Amino acid sequence: MGIELNYLQDERKKLQSDFDTISSNIEKTKKSLTTQQNNLNAVYGAIQQIDKLIPMVDTEKKDTRVLLNEKDKAVSASLA
């Protein structure tokens, strides 16, 4: 007595089904990884953009302070 052909065919079908399921899950994971990598790159790009804008705000504040100081000096001079 040996292993029956039907048993082996049934086992092969189960294994093929498992293989297909795992393969499908791997593909979904790859797509998800690609999406996550793209999202990470987009967020990093936004961080870089903010890093470029921050010094501009500091410069604008300094320019505004200089203008206000000059205005205060002009007002003080006109009152004197």
PDB file of N, CA and C in Angstrom:
ATOM      1  N   MET A   1       0.846  -1.170   0.000  1.00  0.00           N
ATOM      2  CA  MET A   1       0.000   0.000   0.000  1.00  0.00           C
ATOM      3  C   MET A   1       0.888   1.228   0.000  1.00  0.00           C
ATOM      4  N   GLY A   2       0.581   2.202  -0.745  1.00  0.00           N
ATOM      5  CA  GLY A   2       1.349   3.436  -0.838  1.00  0.00           C
ATOM      6  C   GLY A   2       0.425   4.627  -0.700  1.00  0.00           C
ATOM      7  N   ILE A   3       0.951   5.711  -1.069  1.00  0.00           N
ATOM      8  CA  ILE A   3       0.168   6.948  -1.030  1.00  0.00           C
ATOM      9  C   ILE A   3      -0.711   6.976  -2.268  1.00  0.00           C
ATOM     10  N   GLU A   4      -1.947   7.376  -2.051  1.00  0.00           N
ATOM     11  CA  GLU A   4      -2.885   7.407  -3.179  1.00  0.00           C
ATOM     12  C   GLU A   4      -2.738   8.711  -3.958  1.00  0.00           C
ATOM     13  N   LEU A   5      -2.970   8.630  -5.222  1.00  0.00           N
ATOM     14  CA  LEU A   5      -2.858   9.772  -6.122  1.00  0.00           C
ATOM     15  C   LEU A   5      -3.823  10.887  -5.720  1.00  0.00           C
ATOM     16  N   ASN A   6      -5.052  10.533  -5.346  1.00  0.00           N
ATOM     17  CA  ASN A   6      -6.038  11.545  -4.945  1.00  0.00           C
ATOM     18  C   ASN A   6      -5.557  12.348  -3.739  1.00  0.00           C
ATOM     19  N   TYR A   7      -4.928  11.666  -2.788  1.00  0.00           N
ATOM     20  CA  TYR A   7      -4.412  12.346  -1.599  1.00  0.00           C
ATOM     21  C   TYR A   7      -3.339  13.360  -2.009  1.00  0.00           C
ATOM     22  N   LEU A   8      -2.430  12.928  -2.851  1.00  0.00           N
ATOM     23  CA  LEU A   8      -1.366  13.821  -3.306  1.00  0.00           C
ATOM     24  C   LEU A   8      -1.922  15.004  -4.097  1.00  0.00           C
ATOM     25  N   GLN A   9      -2.922  14.772  -4.916  1.00  0.00           N
ATOM     26  CA  GLN A   9      -3.527  15.860  -5.695  1.00  0.00           C
ATOM     27  C   GLN A   9      -4.238  16.851  -4.775  1.00  0.00           C
ATOM     28  N   ASP A  10      -4.911  16.340  -3.743  1.00  0.00           N
ATOM     29  CA  ASP A  10      -5.574  17.227  -2.780  1.00  0.00           C
ATOM     30  C   ASP A  10      -4.549  18.071  -2.022  1.00  0.00           C
ATOM     31  N   GLU A  11      -3.463  17.432  -1.603  1.00  0.00           N
ATOM     32  CA  GLU A  11      -2.408  18.161  -0.889  1.00  0.00           C
ATOM     33  C   GLU A  11      -1.785  19.226  -1.789  1.00  0.00           C
ATOM     34  N   ARG A  12      -1.595  18.889  -3.054  1.00  0.00           N
ATOM     35  CA  ARG A  12      -1.026  19.849  -3.998  1.00  0.00           C
ATOM     36  C   ARG A  12      -1.946  21.044  -4.171  1.00  0.00           C
ATOM     37  N   LYS A  13      -3.241  20.813  -4.244  1.00  0.00           N
ATOM     38  CA  LYS A  13      -4.206  21.911  -4.376  1.00  0.00           C
ATOM     39  C   LYS A  13      -4.145  22.826  -3.155  1.00  0.00           C
ATOM     40  N   LYS A  14      -4.053  22.240  -1.970  1.00  0.00           N
ATOM     41  CA  LYS A  14      -3.963  23.034  -0.743  1.00  0.00           C
ATOM     42  C   LYS A  14      -2.679  23.868  -0.744  1.00  0.00           C
ATOM     43  N   LEU A  15      -1.584  23.218  -1.101  1.00  0.00           N
ATOM     44  CA  LEU A  15      -0.309  23.927  -1.142  1.00  0.00           C
ATOM     45  C   LEU A  15      -0.314  25.039  -2.189  1.00  0.00           C
ATOM     46  N   GLN A  16      -0.910  24.766  -3.344  1.00  0.00           N
ATOM     47  CA  GLN A  16      -1.006  25.783  -4.389  1.00  0.00           C
ATOM     48  C   GLN A  16      -1.841  26.962  -3.919  1.00  0.00           C
ATOM     49  N   SER A  17      -2.903  26.671  -3.208  1.00  0.00           N
ATOM     50  CA  SER A  17      -3.749  27.732  -2.659  1.00  0.00           C
ATOM     51  C   SER A  17      -2.965  28.571  -1.651  1.00  0.00           C
ATOM     52  N   ASP A  18      -2.219  27.909  -0.765  1.00  0.00           N
ATOM     53  CA  ASP A  18      -1.381  28.629   0.196  1.00  0.00           C
ATOM     54  C   ASP A  18      -0.337  29.477  -0.518  1.00  0.00           C
ATOM     55  N   PHE A  19       0.275  28.906  -1.533  1.00  0.00           N
ATOM     56  CA  PHE A  19       1.284  29.615  -2.316  1.00  0.00           C
ATOM     57  C   PHE A  19       0.681  30.867  -2.945  1.00  0.00           C
ATOM     58  N   ASP A  20      -0.485  30.724  -3.551  1.00  0.00           N
ATOM     59  CA  ASP A  20      -1.145  31.854  -4.204  1.00  0.00           C
ATOM     60  C   ASP A  20      -1.505  32.939  -3.197  1.00  0.00           C
ATOM     61  N   THR A  21      -1.987  32.524  -2.034  1.00  0.00           N
ATOM     62  CA  THR A  21      -2.356  33.484  -0.985  1.00  0.00           C
ATOM     63  C   THR A  21      -1.132  34.252  -0.498  1.00  0.00           C
ATOM     64  N   ILE A  22      -0.072  33.531  -0.239  1.00  0.00           N
ATOM     65  CA  ILE A  22       1.154  34.176   0.243  1.00  0.00           C
ATOM     66  C   ILE A  22       1.723  35.098  -0.832  1.00  0.00           C
ATOM     67  N   SER A  23       1.713  34.646  -2.052  1.00  0.00           N
ATOM     68  CA  SER A  23       2.212  35.467  -3.158  1.00  0.00           C
ATOM     69  C   SER A  23       1.400  36.752  -3.290  1.00  0.00           C
ATOM     70  N   SER A  24       0.098  36.631  -3.174  1.00  0.00           N
ATOM     71  CA  SER A  24      -0.775  37.805  -3.239  1.00  0.00           C
ATOM     72  C   SER A  24      -0.490  38.765  -2.082  1.00  0.00           C
ATOM     73  N   ASN A  25      -0.294  38.213  -0.898  1.00  0.00           N
ATOM     74  CA  ASN A  25       0.013  39.049   0.268  1.00  0.00           C
ATOM     75  C   ASN A  25       1.340  39.775   0.099  1.00  0.00           C
ATOM     76  N   ILE A  26       2.307  39.099  -0.488  1.00  0.00           N
ATOM     77  CA  ILE A  26       3.608  39.738  -0.741  1.00  0.00           C
ATOM     78  C   ILE A  26       3.441  40.904  -1.712  1.00  0.00           C
ATOM     79  N   GLU A  27       2.666  40.716  -2.756  1.00  0.00           N
ATOM     80  CA  GLU A  27       2.438  41.798  -3.725  1.00  0.00           C
ATOM     81  C   GLU A  27       1.737  42.985  -3.068  1.00  0.00           C
ATOM     82  N   LYS A  28       0.744  42.707  -2.221  1.00  0.00           N
ATOM     83  CA  LYS A  28       0.052  43.784  -1.506  1.00  0.00           C
ATOM     84  C   LYS A  28       1.015  44.525  -0.592  1.00  0.00           C
ATOM     85  N   THR A  29       1.881  43.765   0.066  1.00  0.00           N
ATOM     86  CA  THR A  29       2.861  44.376   0.962  1.00  0.00           C
ATOM     87  C   THR A  29       3.845  45.236   0.188  1.00  0.00           C
ATOM     88  N   LYS A  30       4.281  44.766  -0.979  1.00  0.00           N
ATOM     89  CA  LYS A  30       5.181  45.561  -1.822  1.00  0.00           C
ATOM     90  C   LYS A  30       4.526  46.866  -2.242  1.00  0.00           C
ATOM     91  N   LYS A  31       3.257  46.793  -2.651  1.00  0.00           N
ATOM     92  CA  LYS A  31       2.539  48.008  -3.052  1.00  0.00           C
ATOM     93  C   LYS A  31       2.393  48.960  -1.873  1.00  0.00           C
ATOM     94  N   SER A  32       2.080  48.395  -0.722  1.00  0.00           N
ATOM     95  CA  SER A  32       1.940  49.214   0.482  1.00  0.00           C
ATOM     96  C   SER A  32       3.274  49.865   0.841  1.00  0.00           C
ATOM     97  N   LEU A  33       4.343  49.117   0.726  1.00  0.00           N
ATOM     98  CA  LEU A  33       5.668  49.658   1.011  1.00  0.00           C
ATOM     99  C   LEU A  33       6.002  50.802   0.057  1.00  0.00           C
ATOM    100  N   THR A  34       5.683  50.624  -1.214  1.00  0.00           N
ATOM    101  CA  THR A  34       5.929  51.677  -2.201  1.00  0.00           C
ATOM    102  C   THR A  34       5.112  52.921  -1.853  1.00  0.00           C
ATOM    103  N   THR A  35       3.851  52.726  -1.494  1.00  0.00           N
ATOM    104  CA  THR A  35       3.001  53.853  -1.112  1.00  0.00           C
ATOM    105  C   THR A  35       3.554  54.559   0.118  1.00  0.00           C
ATOM    106  N   GLN A  36       3.969  53.786   1.111  1.00  0.00           N
ATOM    107  CA  GLN A  36       4.526  54.376   2.325  1.00  0.00           C
ATOM    108  C   GLN A  36       5.819  55.132   2.027  1.00  0.00           C
ATOM    109  N   GLN A  37       6.646  54.589   1.149  1.00  0.00           N
ATOM    110  CA  GLN A  37       7.893  55.265   0.765  1.00  0.00           C
ATOM    111  C   GLN A  37       7.583  56.583   0.054  1.00  0.00           C
ATOM    112  N   ASN A  38       6.589  56.564  -0.829  1.00  0.00           N
ATOM    113  CA  ASN A  38       6.184  57.797  -1.514  1.00  0.00           C
ATOM    114  C   ASN A  38       5.656  58.828  -0.523  1.00  0.00           C
ATOM    115  N   ASN A  39       4.867  58.389   0.447  1.00  0.00           N
ATOM    116  CA  ASN A  39       4.359  59.299   1.474  1.00  0.00           C
ATOM    117  C   ASN A  39       5.504  59.875   2.306  1.00  0.00           C
ATOM    118  N   LEU A  40       6.463  59.024   2.636  1.00  0.00           N
ATOM    119  CA  LEU A  40       7.619  59.483   3.396  1.00  0.00           C
ATOM    120  C   LEU A  40       8.388  60.546   2.617  1.00  0.00           C
ATOM    121  N   ASN A  41       8.581  60.306   1.329  1.00  0.00           N
ATOM    122  CA  ASN A  41       9.278  61.287   0.492  1.00  0.00           C
ATOM    123  C   ASN A  41       8.504  62.602   0.415  1.00  0.00           C
ATOM    124  N   ALA A  42       7.190  62.518   0.318  1.00  0.00           N
ATOM    125  CA  ALA A  42       6.367  63.730   0.252  1.00  0.00           C
ATOM    126  C   ALA A  42       6.473  64.523   1.548  1.00  0.00           C
ATOM    127  N   VAL A  43       6.423  63.847   2.679  1.00  0.00           N
ATOM    128  CA  VAL A  43       6.534  64.535   3.973  1.00  0.00           C
ATOM    129  C   VAL A  43       7.923  65.156   4.117  1.00  0.00           C
ATOM    130  N   TYR A  44       8.936  64.431   3.688  1.00  0.00           N
ATOM    131  CA  TYR A  44      10.288  64.974   3.761  1.00  0.00           C
ATOM    132  C   TYR A  44      10.419  66.224   2.884  1.00  0.00           C
ATOM    133  N   GLY A  45       9.803  66.192   1.708  1.00  0.00           N
ATOM    134  CA  GLY A  45       9.807  67.364   0.843  1.00  0.00           C
ATOM    135  C   GLY A  45       9.132  68.561   1.514  1.00  0.00           C
ATOM    136  N   ALA A  46       8.041  68.289   2.216  1.00  0.00           N
ATOM    137  CA  ALA A  46       7.349  69.362   2.940  1.00  0.00           C
ATOM    138  C   ALA A  46       8.239  69.915   4.057  1.00  0.00           C
ATOM    139  N   ILE A  47       8.941  69.027   4.741  1.00  0.00           N
ATOM    140  CA  ILE A  47       9.867  69.475   5.797  1.00  0.00           C
ATOM    141  C   ILE A  47      10.948  70.370   5.199  1.00  0.00           C
ATOM    142  N   GLN A  48      11.489  69.975   4.061  1.00  0.00           N
ATOM    143  CA  GLN A  48      12.520  70.793   3.403  1.00  0.00           C
ATOM    144  C   GLN A  48      11.964  72.162   3.029  1.00  0.00           C
ATOM    145  N   GLN A  49      10.733  72.196   2.544  1.00  0.00           N
ATOM    146  CA  GLN A  49      10.122  73.469   2.153  1.00  0.00           C
ATOM    147  C   GLN A  49       9.942  74.366   3.369  1.00  0.00           C
ATOM    148  N   ILE A  50       9.472  73.801   4.467  1.00  0.00           N
ATOM    149  CA  ILE A  50       9.308  74.585   5.703  1.00  0.00           C
ATOM    150  C   ILE A  50      10.666  75.095   6.180  1.00  0.00           C
ATOM    151  N   ASP A  51      11.697  74.224   6.096  1.00  0.00           N
ATOM    152  CA  ASP A  51      13.034  74.646   6.507  1.00  0.00           C
ATOM    153  C   ASP A  51      13.525  75.833   5.676  1.00  0.00           C
ATOM    154  N   LYS A  52      13.119  75.916   4.413  1.00  0.00           N
ATOM    155  CA  LYS A  52      13.495  77.052   3.576  1.00  0.00           C
ATOM    156  C   LYS A  52      12.704  78.304   3.957  1.00  0.00           C
ATOM    157  N   LEU A  53      11.453  78.131   4.394  1.00  0.00           N
ATOM    158  CA  LEU A  53      10.600  79.273   4.716  1.00  0.00           C
ATOM    159  C   LEU A  53      10.916  79.878   6.083  1.00  0.00           C
ATOM    160  N   ILE A  54      11.368  79.071   7.024  1.00  0.00           N
ATOM    161  CA  ILE A  54      11.629  79.568   8.379  1.00  0.00           C
ATOM    162  C   ILE A  54      12.617  80.736   8.382  1.00  0.00           C
ATOM    163  N   PRO A  55      13.747  80.630   7.692  1.00  0.00           N
ATOM    164  CA  PRO A  55      14.658  81.794   7.684  1.00  0.00           C
ATOM    165  C   PRO A  55      14.036  83.035   7.054  1.00  0.00           C
ATOM    166  N   MET A  56      13.142  82.849   6.108  1.00  0.00           N
ATOM    167  CA  MET A  56      12.481  83.998   5.481  1.00  0.00           C
ATOM    168  C   MET A  56      11.625  84.747   6.491  1.00  0.00           C
ATOM    169  N   VAL A  57      10.964  84.024   7.364  1.00  0.00           N
ATOM    170  CA  VAL A  57      10.138  84.663   8.390  1.00  0.00           C
ATOM    171  C   VAL A  57      11.026  85.437   9.342  1.00  0.00           C
ATOM    172  N   ASP A  58      12.144  84.844   9.761  1.00  0.00           N
ATOM    173  CA  ASP A  58      13.076  85.535  10.646  1.00  0.00           C
ATOM    174  C   ASP A  58      13.610  86.792   9.977  1.00  0.00           C
ATOM    175  N   THR A  59      13.922  86.735   8.688  1.00  0.00           N
ATOM    176  CA  THR A  59      14.422  87.887   7.951  1.00  0.00           C
ATOM    177  C   THR A  59      13.354  88.967   7.860  1.00  0.00           C
ATOM    178  N   GLU A  60      12.117  88.569   7.586  1.00  0.00           N
ATOM    179  CA  GLU A  60      11.023  89.543   7.503  1.00  0.00           C
ATOM    180  C   GLU A  60      10.807  90.221   8.848  1.00  0.00           C
ATOM    181  N   LYS A  61      10.912  89.480   9.937  1.00  0.00           N
ATOM    182  CA  LYS A  61      10.755  90.086  11.267  1.00  0.00           C
ATOM    183  C   LYS A  61      11.865  91.093  11.529  1.00  0.00           C
ATOM    184  N   LYS A  62      13.094  90.741  11.137  1.00  0.00           N
ATOM    185  CA  LYS A  62      14.215  91.656  11.329  1.00  0.00           C
ATOM    186  C   LYS A  62      14.008  92.913  10.497  1.00  0.00           C
ATOM    187  N   ASP A  63      13.576  92.748   9.244  1.00  0.00           N
ATOM    188  CA  ASP A  63      13.319  93.900   8.379  1.00  0.00           C
ATOM    189  C   ASP A  63      12.229  94.783   8.974  1.00  0.00           C
ATOM    190  N   THR A  64      11.198  94.183   9.515  1.00  0.00           N
ATOM    191  CA  THR A  64      10.114  94.942  10.129  1.00  0.00           C
ATOM    192  C   THR A  64      10.617  95.699  11.342  1.00  0.00           C
ATOM    193  N   ARG A  65      11.467  95.053  12.159  1.00  0.00           N
ATOM    194  CA  ARG A  65      12.024  95.719  13.338  1.00  0.00           C
ATOM    195  C   ARG A  65      12.879  96.906  12.926  1.00  0.00           C
ATOM    196  N   VAL A  66      13.668  96.756  11.878  1.00  0.00           N
ATOM    197  CA  VAL A  66      14.514  97.852  11.400  1.00  0.00           C
ATOM    198  C   VAL A  66      13.639  99.010  10.946  1.00  0.00           C
ATOM    199  N   LEU A  67      12.589  98.717  10.184  1.00  0.00           N
ATOM    200  CA  LEU A  67      11.683  99.772   9.718  1.00  0.00           C
ATOM    201  C   LEU A  67      11.004 100.465  10.887  1.00  0.00           C
ATOM    202  N   LEU A  68      10.562  99.679  11.896  1.00  0.00           N
ATOM    203  CA  LEU A  68       9.929 100.294  13.057  1.00  0.00           C
ATOM    204  C   LEU A  68      10.901 101.166  13.833  1.00  0.00           C
ATOM    205  N   ASN A  69      12.133 100.721  13.987  1.00  0.00           N
ATOM    206  CA  ASN A  69      13.138 101.527  14.684  1.00  0.00           C
ATOM    207  C   ASN A  69      13.400 102.824  13.943  1.00  0.00           C
ATOM    208  N   GLU A  70      13.468 102.757  12.607  1.00  0.00           N
ATOM    209  CA  GLU A  70      13.682 103.971  11.821  1.00  0.00           C
ATOM    210  C   GLU A  70      12.493 104.912  11.951  1.00  0.00           C
ATOM    211  N   LYS A  71      11.288 104.334  11.976  1.00  0.00           N
ATOM    212  CA  LYS A  71      10.087 105.158  12.137  1.00  0.00           C
ATOM    213  C   LYS A  71      10.091 105.828  13.507  1.00  0.00           C
ATOM    214  N   ASP A  72      10.450 105.070  14.546  1.00  0.00           N
ATOM    215  CA  ASP A  72      10.505 105.634  15.894  1.00  0.00           C
ATOM    216  C   ASP A  72      11.528 106.769  15.972  1.00  0.00           C
ATOM    217  N   LYS A  73      12.673 106.586  15.313  1.00  0.00           N
ATOM    218  CA  LYS A  73      13.707 107.630  15.302  1.00  0.00           C
ATOM    219  C   LYS A  73      13.193 108.874  14.591  1.00  0.00           C
ATOM    220  N   ALA A  74      12.479 108.670  13.487  1.00  0.00           N
ATOM    221  CA  ALA A  74      11.952 109.811  12.735  1.00  0.00           C
ATOM    222  C   ALA A  74      10.917 110.555  13.557  1.00  0.00           C
ATOM    223  N   VAL A  75      10.056 109.797  14.246  1.00  0.00           N
ATOM    224  CA  VAL A  75       9.029 110.438  15.086  1.00  0.00           C
ATOM    225  C   VAL A  75       9.704 111.191  16.233  1.00  0.00           C
ATOM    226  N   SER A  76      10.689 110.579  16.854  1.00  0.00           N
ATOM    227  CA  SER A  76      11.402 111.229  17.970  1.00  0.00           C
ATOM    228  C   SER A  76      12.103 112.488  17.495  1.00  0.00           C
ATOM    229  N   ALA A  77      12.687 112.417  16.318  1.00  0.00           N
ATOM    230  CA  ALA A  77      13.397 113.595  15.786  1.00  0.00           C
ATOM    231  C   ALA A  77      12.434 114.715  15.476  1.00  0.00           C
ATOM    232  N   SER A  78      11.245 114.366  14.996  1.00  0.00           N
ATOM    233  CA  SER A  78      10.291 115.422  14.677  1.00  0.00           C
ATOM    234  C   SER A  78       9.686 116.048  15.931  1.00  0.00           C
ATOM    235  N   LEU A  79       9.663 115.291  17.009  1.00  0.00           N
ATOM    236  CA  LEU A  79       9.150 115.840  18.269  1.00  0.00           C
ATOM    237  C   LEU A  79      10.177 116.703  18.972  1.00  0.00           C
ATOM    238  N   ALA A  80      11.423 116.487  18.678  1.00  0.00           N
ATOM    239  CA  ALA A  80      12.475 117.195  19.386  1.00  0.00           C
ATOM    240  C   ALA A  80      12.680 118.590  18.909  1.00  0.00           C
TER     241      ALA A  80
END
